[in-house]
Amino acid sequence: EDAFFYRASLNGGAMAVADGVGGYAEYGIDPGVFSRKLMLEASAKEAKNTQVDPADVLAYAQENTALPGASTATLLQLNGTT
């Protein structure tokens, strides 16, 4: 049910974790598929523009995860001074 991504660079990086809602399994929906797709989309968006707001990254990921399901998620971005 869980998924994550991690990206490191000399200028900082990002990491995110998603926890698929297990209750969807009662309806035949694998919550892990949703959370993995969510993290895939978030990772792709964040890698393209490391200065984007984390909330915008997660919003983009949610909009582009065209699957049934739900997930909690958190995203942390680091810059070279943190």
C-alpha atoms as a PDB file:
ATOM      1  CA  GLU A   1       0.000   0.000   0.000  1.00  0.00           C
ATOM      2  CA  ASP A   2       2.956   2.334   0.509  1.00  0.00           C
ATOM      3  CA  ALA A   3       5.201   4.049  -2.010  1.00  0.00           C
ATOM      4  CA  PHE A   4       7.957   6.627  -1.952  1.00  0.00           C
ATOM      5  CA  PHE A   5      10.518   8.478  -4.017  1.00  0.00           C
ATOM      6  CA  TYR A   6      13.854  10.016  -3.163  1.00  0.00           C
ATOM      7  CA  ARG A   7      16.013  12.315  -5.261  1.00  0.00           C
ATOM      8  CA  ALA A   8      19.331  13.731  -4.122  1.00  0.00           C
ATOM      9  CA  SER A   9      21.598  16.279  -5.763  1.00  0.00           C
ATOM     10  CA  LEU A  10      24.358  18.642  -4.745  1.00  0.00           C
ATOM     11  CA  ASN A  11      21.793  21.439  -4.604  1.00  0.00           C
ATOM     12  CA  GLY A  12      19.342  19.603  -2.372  1.00  0.00           C
ATOM     13  CA  GLY A  13      16.765  16.991  -3.178  1.00  0.00           C
ATOM     14  CA  ALA A  14      13.318  15.735  -2.405  1.00  0.00           C
ATOM     15  CA  MET A  15      11.596  12.808  -0.791  1.00  0.00           C
ATOM     16  CA  ALA A  16       7.964  11.818  -0.591  1.00  0.00           C
ATOM     17  CA  VAL A  17       5.882   9.055   0.959  1.00  0.00           C
ATOM     18  CA  ALA A  18       2.360   7.926   0.081  1.00  0.00           C
ATOM     19  CA  ASP A  19       0.189   5.513   2.053  1.00  0.00           C
ATOM     20  CA  GLY A  20      -2.649   4.036  -0.005  1.00  0.00           C
ATOM     21  CA  VAL A  21      -6.036   3.763   1.714  1.00  0.00           C
ATOM     22  CA  GLY A  22      -6.387   0.053   2.480  1.00  0.00           C
ATOM     23  CA  GLY A  23     -10.185   0.193   2.631  1.00  0.00           C
ATOM     24  CA  TYR A  24     -10.322   0.251  -1.168  1.00  0.00           C
ATOM     25  CA  ALA A  25      -9.227  -3.393  -1.151  1.00  0.00           C
ATOM     26  CA  GLU A  26     -12.787  -4.270  -0.067  1.00  0.00           C
ATOM     27  CA  TYR A  27     -13.885  -3.086  -3.518  1.00  0.00           C
ATOM     28  CA  GLY A  28     -11.225  -5.024  -5.404  1.00  0.00           C
ATOM     29  CA  ILE A  29      -8.948  -2.013  -5.813  1.00  0.00           C
ATOM     30  CA  ASP A  30      -5.271  -2.426  -4.966  1.00  0.00           C
ATOM     31  CA  PRO A  31      -4.373   0.648  -2.882  1.00  0.00           C
ATOM     32  CA  GLY A  32      -0.688   0.101  -3.630  1.00  0.00           C
ATOM     33  CA  VAL A  33      -1.219   0.737  -7.330  1.00  0.00           C
ATOM     34  CA  PHE A  34      -2.686   4.167  -6.604  1.00  0.00           C
ATOM     35  CA  SER A  35       0.084   5.206  -4.208  1.00  0.00           C
ATOM     36  CA  ARG A  36       2.831   3.982  -6.562  1.00  0.00           C
ATOM     37  CA  LYS A  37       1.337   5.900  -9.502  1.00  0.00           C
ATOM     38  CA  LEU A  38       0.944   8.986  -7.304  1.00  0.00           C
ATOM     39  CA  MET A  39       4.630   8.867  -6.380  1.00  0.00           C
ATOM     40  CA  LEU A  40       5.656   8.223  -9.974  1.00  0.00           C
ATOM     41  CA  GLU A  41       3.818  11.353 -11.107  1.00  0.00           C
ATOM     42  CA  ALA A  42       5.112  13.439  -8.192  1.00  0.00           C
ATOM     43  CA  SER A  43       8.678  12.334  -8.847  1.00  0.00           C
ATOM     44  CA  ALA A  44       8.451  13.201 -12.530  1.00  0.00           C
ATOM     45  CA  LYS A  45       7.010  16.662 -11.810  1.00  0.00           C
ATOM     46  CA  GLU A  46       9.500  17.461  -9.069  1.00  0.00           C
ATOM     47  CA  ALA A  47      12.482  16.334 -11.171  1.00  0.00           C
ATOM     48  CA  LYS A  48      11.491  18.683 -14.012  1.00  0.00           C
ATOM     49  CA  ASN A  49      11.353  21.767 -11.803  1.00  0.00           C
ATOM     50  CA  THR A  50      12.984  21.573  -8.389  1.00  0.00           C
ATOM     51  CA  GLN A  51      11.744  25.068  -7.472  1.00  0.00           C
ATOM     52  CA  VAL A  52       8.062  24.138  -7.686  1.00  0.00           C
ATOM     53  CA  ASP A  53       5.896  24.321  -4.575  1.00  0.00           C
ATOM     54  CA  PRO A  54       5.429  20.882  -2.925  1.00  0.00           C
ATOM     55  CA  ALA A  55       1.657  21.406  -2.834  1.00  0.00           C
ATOM     56  CA  ASP A  56       1.685  21.995  -6.593  1.00  0.00           C
ATOM     57  CA  VAL A  57       3.694  18.799  -7.107  1.00  0.00           C
ATOM     58  CA  LEU A  58       1.160  16.742  -5.157  1.00  0.00           C
ATOM     59  CA  ALA A  59      -1.774  18.435  -6.899  1.00  0.00           C
ATOM     60  CA  TYR A  60      -0.211  17.633 -10.288  1.00  0.00           C
ATOM     61  CA  ALA A  61       0.397  14.044  -9.211  1.00  0.00           C
ATOM     62  CA  GLN A  62      -3.178  13.609  -8.022  1.00  0.00           C
ATOM     63  CA  GLU A  63      -4.599  15.063 -11.243  1.00  0.00           C
ATOM     64  CA  ASN A  64      -2.446  12.715 -13.320  1.00  0.00           C
ATOM     65  CA  THR A  65      -3.131   9.587 -11.307  1.00  0.00           C
ATOM     66  CA  ALA A  66      -6.210   8.521 -13.231  1.00  0.00           C
ATOM     67  CA  LEU A  67      -6.901   5.445 -11.113  1.00  0.00           C
ATOM     68  CA  PRO A  68      -9.493   4.583  -8.502  1.00  0.00           C
ATOM     69  CA  GLY A  69      -8.234   4.855  -4.963  1.00  0.00           C
ATOM     70  CA  ALA A  70      -6.885   7.332  -2.454  1.00  0.00           C
ATOM     71  CA  SER A  71      -3.754   7.996  -0.480  1.00  0.00           C
ATOM     72  CA  THR A  72      -2.241  10.207   2.118  1.00  0.00           C
ATOM     73  CA  ALA A  73       0.999  11.794   0.954  1.00  0.00           C
ATOM     74  CA  THR A  74       3.759  14.073   2.113  1.00  0.00           C
ATOM     75  CA  LEU A  75       6.581  15.696   0.153  1.00  0.00           C
ATOM     76  CA  LEU A  76       9.750  17.273   1.500  1.00  0.00           C
ATOM     77  CA  GLN A  77      12.076  19.397  -0.599  1.00  0.00           C
ATOM     78  CA  LEU A  78      15.582  20.357   0.471  1.00  0.00           C
ATOM     79  CA  ASN A  79      17.796  23.054  -0.916  1.00  0.00           C
ATOM     80  CA  GLY A  80      21.572  23.253  -0.706  1.00  0.00           C
ATOM     81  CA  THR A  81      21.437  25.278   2.514  1.00  0.00           C
ATOM     82  CA  THR A  82      19.139  23.050   4.571  1.00  0.00           C
END
